């Protein structure tokens, strides 16, 4: 299922958890890892002078600098690279989100793995992942796995997947990825919907009616697509969606959360990850995969 994984990394400690998961997956499933690093954003079109993505300093990207960066990445991920059969490092310059998307398309990867940090710590104080992740997750034609918390990177493979649905069109693609993963990797699958009652005043009868309706909708929408796959169950809880998704993942000792990513904004340069996705990424104790398009699921 995973033949080629693109590990998009700045080489900063905030991406080490994502690297650990990417290389562990490659080792378990025989995949190739492409360690992809954007050295900086050109100060002018086609200029060799770039603003370093981590420090913001102006640096001239010549052969010597490129060789130094590659050696630094080799040193940083030396043990992981040696642990897998196929791994290579690719360097480029440009706007990180655009170059990651371009590389994923050119390499025809099955999965992009990223840390949730863009290097701007202020993004976390506001409670949002970095803008690079937002843009990549929105526009990528393959699933995007995010590993934010360090604890989320210490995991022993896939045993239990939680698929969280909001019944959107994008959720159909996310479901296909979750089901295919569960089938091929021999996992249990939990189909989950959080009935959003945040900011609403509802009596208990209305809540219970909503729970019954959501459970019936899951059965009507997804169960007929299961085929002979039987290792699944259905859960519907009321509450704040991101809180309930994180709670059920913790209760089920989930190894992976799969959610749909969608936005009303069509321009990937302006689109933001939905607030539920943002908060799940920041709080989950396991990797989170977002799926927005049906191309590679």
Protein backbone atom coordinates (compact mmCIF):
# COMPACT_ATOMS: atom_id res chain seq x y z
CA UNK A 1 0.00 0.00 0.00
CA UNK A 2 2.82 2.38 0.87
CA UNK A 3 5.44 2.10 -1.87
CA UNK A 4 6.89 5.61 -1.74
CA UNK A 5 6.74 8.09 1.16
CA UNK A 6 7.73 11.75 0.92
CA UNK A 7 9.15 12.99 4.22
CA UNK A 8 8.97 16.78 4.04
CA UNK A 9 11.38 18.09 6.67
CA UNK A 10 13.21 21.25 7.63
CA UNK A 11 15.68 19.20 9.63
CA UNK A 12 14.50 20.95 12.80
CA UNK A 13 13.76 18.98 15.99
CA UNK A 14 10.03 19.65 15.52
CA UNK A 15 10.11 17.29 12.50
CA UNK A 16 11.96 14.41 14.19
CA UNK A 17 8.71 12.70 15.24
CA UNK A 18 7.44 12.73 11.65
CA UNK A 19 10.77 11.30 10.47
CA UNK A 20 10.59 8.51 13.04
CA UNK A 21 7.14 7.46 11.82
CA UNK A 22 8.04 7.76 8.11
CA UNK A 23 11.12 5.57 8.43
CA UNK A 24 9.35 3.09 10.70
CA UNK A 25 6.55 2.73 8.13
CA UNK A 26 9.11 2.26 5.34
CA UNK A 27 10.89 -0.44 7.33
CA UNK A 28 7.67 -2.29 8.13
CA UNK A 29 6.09 -2.09 4.69
CA UNK A 30 9.13 -2.03 2.38
CA UNK A 31 8.56 1.51 1.12
CA UNK A 32 11.03 4.01 -0.26
CA UNK A 33 11.56 7.25 1.68
CA UNK A 34 12.30 10.48 -0.16
CA UNK A 35 13.73 12.94 2.39
CA UNK A 36 12.68 16.26 0.89
CA UNK A 37 14.05 19.60 2.06
CA UNK A 38 13.41 23.12 0.76
CA UNK A 39 16.55 25.13 1.50
CA UNK A 40 14.99 28.55 1.12
CA UNK A 41 12.76 30.94 -0.78
CA UNK A 42 14.56 32.83 -3.61
CA UNK A 43 14.78 36.56 -2.92
CA UNK A 44 14.14 37.17 -6.62
CA UNK A 45 13.03 35.00 -9.52
CA UNK A 46 15.70 32.44 -10.43
CA UNK A 47 18.07 33.99 -7.89
CA UNK A 48 20.67 31.80 -6.15
CA UNK A 49 20.24 33.95 -3.04
CA UNK A 50 17.49 32.59 -0.81
CA UNK A 51 15.93 33.32 2.56
CA UNK A 52 16.65 30.30 4.71
CA UNK A 53 13.37 28.60 5.68
CA UNK A 54 14.50 28.16 9.29
CA UNK A 55 16.51 31.30 10.09
CA UNK A 56 15.24 33.79 7.50
CA UNK A 57 18.84 34.75 6.70
CA UNK A 58 19.92 35.42 3.13
CA UNK A 59 22.14 32.60 1.85
CA UNK A 60 23.68 31.94 -1.54
CA UNK A 61 22.86 28.43 -2.67
CA UNK A 62 25.93 27.20 -4.51
CA UNK A 63 27.34 23.67 -4.84
CA UNK A 64 29.24 23.99 -1.59
CA UNK A 65 26.19 25.07 0.40
CA UNK A 66 24.02 22.37 -1.20
CA UNK A 67 26.60 19.70 -0.32
CA UNK A 68 26.76 21.00 3.27
CA UNK A 69 22.95 20.86 3.69
CA UNK A 70 22.81 17.34 2.27
CA UNK A 71 25.56 16.21 4.63
CA UNK A 72 23.70 17.76 7.58
CA UNK A 73 20.52 15.87 6.68
CA UNK A 74 22.46 12.63 6.22
CA UNK A 75 23.99 13.11 9.64
CA UNK A 76 20.67 13.99 11.26
CA UNK A 77 18.82 10.96 9.88
CA UNK A 78 21.80 8.61 9.57
CA UNK A 79 20.42 5.77 11.68
CA UNK A 80 16.98 5.94 10.06
CA UNK A 81 18.40 5.97 6.53
CA UNK A 82 20.53 2.94 7.32
CA UNK A 83 17.49 1.10 8.70
CA UNK A 84 15.58 1.04 5.39
CA UNK A 85 16.39 -0.47 2.03
CA UNK A 86 15.49 2.53 -0.10
CA UNK A 87 16.07 6.15 0.94
CA UNK A 88 17.40 9.27 -0.73
CA UNK A 89 17.65 12.99 -0.07
CA UNK A 90 16.28 15.61 -2.44
CA UNK A 91 17.00 19.34 -2.08
CA UNK A 92 15.45 22.33 -3.80
CA UNK A 93 14.63 26.01 -3.36
CA UNK A 94 11.26 27.72 -3.60
CA UNK A 95 8.09 28.27 -1.61
CA UNK A 96 7.95 25.17 0.67
CA UNK A 97 4.30 24.27 0.16
CA UNK A 98 4.53 24.54 -3.63
CA UNK A 99 7.74 22.53 -3.81
CA UNK A 100 6.38 19.78 -1.54
CA UNK A 101 3.29 19.47 -3.71
CA UNK A 102 5.41 19.49 -6.86
CA UNK A 103 7.73 16.80 -5.50
CA UNK A 104 4.80 14.64 -4.37
CA UNK A 105 3.33 14.85 -7.87
CA UNK A 106 6.62 14.27 -9.73
CA UNK A 107 7.63 11.37 -7.47
CA UNK A 108 4.10 9.90 -7.56
CA UNK A 109 4.23 9.27 -3.80
CA UNK A 110 1.55 7.40 -1.87
CA UNK A 111 1.86 9.48 1.28
CA UNK A 112 3.33 12.78 2.48
CA UNK A 113 4.59 12.80 6.07
CA UNK A 114 5.16 16.13 7.84
CA UNK A 115 5.61 17.63 11.26
CA UNK A 116 3.02 20.23 12.19
CA UNK A 117 5.54 23.02 12.62
CA UNK A 118 6.54 25.42 9.89
CA UNK A 119 9.28 26.78 12.12
CA UNK A 120 7.13 29.63 13.39
CA UNK A 121 6.47 28.97 17.07
CA UNK A 122 3.92 31.79 17.19
CA UNK A 123 1.61 29.55 15.16
CA UNK A 124 1.38 27.20 18.13
CA UNK A 125 0.64 29.97 20.59
CA UNK A 126 -2.37 30.74 18.43
CA UNK A 127 -3.29 27.07 18.34
CA UNK A 128 -2.76 26.44 14.64
CA UNK A 129 -0.35 24.31 12.62
CA UNK A 130 2.03 26.07 10.23
CA UNK A 131 0.87 27.56 6.94
CA UNK A 132 3.00 25.11 4.90
CA UNK A 133 1.06 22.18 6.32
CA UNK A 134 -2.25 23.97 5.75
CA UNK A 135 -1.50 24.51 2.07
CA UNK A 136 -0.09 21.05 1.48
CA UNK A 137 -2.98 19.30 3.23
CA UNK A 138 -5.51 21.26 1.21
CA UNK A 139 -4.01 20.71 -2.24
CA UNK A 140 -2.23 17.34 -2.03
CA UNK A 141 -3.55 14.59 -4.28
CA UNK A 142 -2.32 11.93 -1.87
CA UNK A 143 -3.04 11.57 1.85
CA UNK A 144 -0.99 13.74 4.21
CA UNK A 145 0.15 12.31 7.55
CA UNK A 146 0.96 14.74 10.34
CA UNK A 147 2.90 13.93 13.48
CA UNK A 148 2.79 16.86 15.87
CA UNK A 149 3.32 15.58 19.39
CA UNK A 150 6.51 13.69 20.18
CA UNK A 151 4.52 10.98 21.94
CA UNK A 152 2.60 10.36 18.70
CA UNK A 153 5.78 9.15 17.00
CA UNK A 154 6.40 6.24 19.37
CA UNK A 155 4.03 3.71 17.90
CA UNK A 156 4.19 0.07 16.98
CA UNK A 157 2.55 -0.03 13.59
CA UNK A 158 -1.13 -0.04 12.73
CA UNK A 159 -3.63 -2.02 14.79
CA UNK A 160 -6.61 0.28 15.22
CA UNK A 161 -7.72 3.10 12.90
CA UNK A 162 -10.32 5.73 13.77
CA UNK A 163 -12.09 7.25 10.77
CA UNK A 164 -13.89 10.45 11.74
CA UNK A 165 -16.58 11.56 9.31
CA UNK A 166 -18.65 14.69 8.86
CA UNK A 167 -20.46 13.09 5.89
CA UNK A 168 -18.89 15.55 3.42
CA UNK A 169 -17.82 14.63 -0.12
CA UNK A 170 -14.20 14.71 1.01
CA UNK A 171 -15.06 12.26 3.80
CA UNK A 172 -15.84 9.67 1.12
CA UNK A 173 -12.20 9.79 -0.01
CA UNK A 174 -10.98 9.65 3.58
CA UNK A 175 -13.16 6.59 4.18
CA UNK A 176 -11.67 4.79 1.17
CA UNK A 177 -8.17 5.41 2.51
CA UNK A 178 -9.13 4.25 6.00
CA UNK A 179 -10.86 1.11 4.72
CA UNK A 180 -8.03 0.20 2.32
CA UNK A 181 -5.50 0.70 5.12
CA UNK A 182 -7.49 -1.43 7.54
CA UNK A 183 -7.88 -4.23 4.98
CA UNK A 184 -4.27 -4.32 3.80
CA UNK A 185 -2.68 -3.85 7.20
CA UNK A 186 -5.06 -6.08 9.16
CA UNK A 187 -6.46 -3.35 11.41
CA UNK A 188 -9.64 -2.79 13.33
CA UNK A 189 -11.60 0.20 12.03
CA UNK A 190 -13.84 2.51 14.03
CA UNK A 191 -16.35 4.60 12.06
CA UNK A 192 -16.94 7.69 14.16
CA UNK A 193 -19.09 10.80 14.01
CA UNK A 194 -19.17 13.59 16.57
CA UNK A 195 -22.56 15.25 16.80
CA UNK A 196 -21.64 18.91 17.15
CA UNK A 197 -23.56 20.48 20.03
CA UNK A 198 -21.02 23.19 20.83
CA UNK A 199 -22.70 26.54 21.36
CA UNK A 200 -26.15 25.00 21.08
CA UNK A 201 -28.92 24.59 23.63
CA UNK A 202 -30.57 21.22 22.97
CA UNK A 203 -32.75 19.06 25.14
CA UNK A 204 -31.75 15.46 25.69
CA UNK A 205 -34.42 14.10 23.36
CA UNK A 206 -33.08 16.20 20.46
CA UNK A 207 -29.53 15.01 21.19
CA UNK A 208 -30.59 11.37 21.29
CA UNK A 209 -32.53 11.76 18.04
CA UNK A 210 -29.42 13.25 16.44
CA UNK A 211 -27.27 10.37 17.64
CA UNK A 212 -29.71 7.80 16.27
CA UNK A 213 -29.89 9.60 12.92
CA UNK A 214 -26.08 9.86 12.63
CA UNK A 215 -25.61 6.18 13.43
CA UNK A 216 -28.20 5.25 10.79
CA UNK A 217 -26.47 7.50 8.26
CA UNK A 218 -23.12 5.81 8.89
CA UNK A 219 -24.70 2.41 8.29
CA UNK A 220 -26.38 3.60 5.11
CA UNK A 221 -23.34 5.47 3.75
CA UNK A 222 -20.33 3.32 4.61
CA UNK A 223 -21.34 -0.19 5.65
CA UNK A 224 -22.51 -1.23 2.14
CA UNK A 225 -18.99 -0.36 0.90
CA UNK A 226 -17.26 -2.66 3.39
CA UNK A 227 -17.63 -5.83 1.33
CA UNK A 228 -16.39 -8.80 3.34
CA UNK A 229 -14.50 -6.62 5.85
CA UNK A 230 -15.99 -7.28 9.30
CA UNK A 231 -13.46 -5.82 11.76
CA UNK A 232 -15.27 -2.53 12.29
CA UNK A 233 -17.62 -0.87 14.68
CA UNK A 234 -19.65 2.34 14.76
CA UNK A 235 -19.59 5.06 17.40
CA UNK A 236 -21.48 8.36 17.57
CA UNK A 237 -20.88 10.78 20.44
CA UNK A 238 -22.13 14.27 21.12
CA UNK A 239 -19.85 17.16 22.02
CA UNK A 240 -17.17 19.39 20.49
CA UNK A 241 -15.97 17.41 17.44
CA UNK A 242 -12.20 17.70 17.89
CA UNK A 243 -12.48 16.84 21.59
CA UNK A 244 -14.55 13.75 20.89
CA UNK A 245 -12.27 12.57 18.06
CA UNK A 246 -9.21 12.81 20.29
CA UNK A 247 -11.10 11.10 23.15
CA UNK A 248 -12.24 8.10 21.12
CA UNK A 249 -8.77 7.69 19.61
CA UNK A 250 -7.34 7.59 23.12
CA UNK A 251 -10.04 5.21 24.37
CA UNK A 252 -9.47 2.82 21.45
CA UNK A 253 -5.66 3.11 21.68
CA UNK A 254 -5.76 4.16 18.04
CA UNK A 255 -2.58 4.10 15.98
CA UNK A 256 -4.01 6.40 13.33
CA UNK A 257 -6.77 8.97 12.93
CA UNK A 258 -8.12 9.52 9.41
CA UNK A 259 -10.14 12.66 8.70
CA UNK A 260 -11.30 14.58 5.67
CA UNK A 261 -9.80 17.95 4.92
CA UNK A 262 -12.00 20.46 3.19
CA UNK A 263 -12.46 24.19 2.99
CA UNK A 264 -14.92 26.52 1.33
CA UNK A 265 -12.01 28.50 -0.05
CA UNK A 266 -10.83 27.11 -3.37
CA UNK A 267 -7.50 28.96 -3.57
CA UNK A 268 -4.91 26.71 -1.86
CA UNK A 269 -2.82 29.79 -1.07
CA UNK A 270 -5.68 31.20 1.02
CA UNK A 271 -7.39 28.07 2.28
CA UNK A 272 -7.04 27.13 5.94
CA UNK A 273 -7.37 23.73 7.48
CA UNK A 274 -10.74 23.48 9.19
CA UNK A 275 -10.71 24.17 12.91
CA UNK A 276 -11.55 20.55 13.78
CA UNK A 277 -8.59 19.28 11.76
CA UNK A 278 -6.25 21.85 13.31
CA UNK A 279 -7.17 20.90 16.83
CA UNK A 280 -7.04 17.14 16.20
CA UNK A 281 -3.53 17.49 14.76
CA UNK A 282 -2.35 19.52 17.74
CA UNK A 283 -3.89 17.28 20.42
CA UNK A 284 -3.87 13.72 19.08
CA UNK A 285 -1.58 11.16 20.68
CA UNK A 286 -1.12 9.31 17.36
CA UNK A 287 -0.43 10.30 13.73
CA UNK A 288 -3.25 12.01 11.84
CA UNK A 289 -3.92 11.54 8.13
CA UNK A 290 -5.93 14.10 6.20
CA UNK A 291 -7.45 13.26 2.83
CA UNK A 292 -8.98 15.85 0.55
CA UNK A 293 -8.91 14.24 -2.92
CA UNK A 294 -9.72 10.76 -4.22
CA UNK A 295 -6.67 10.37 -6.49
CA UNK A 296 -4.44 8.09 -4.39
CA UNK A 297 -6.60 6.45 -1.74
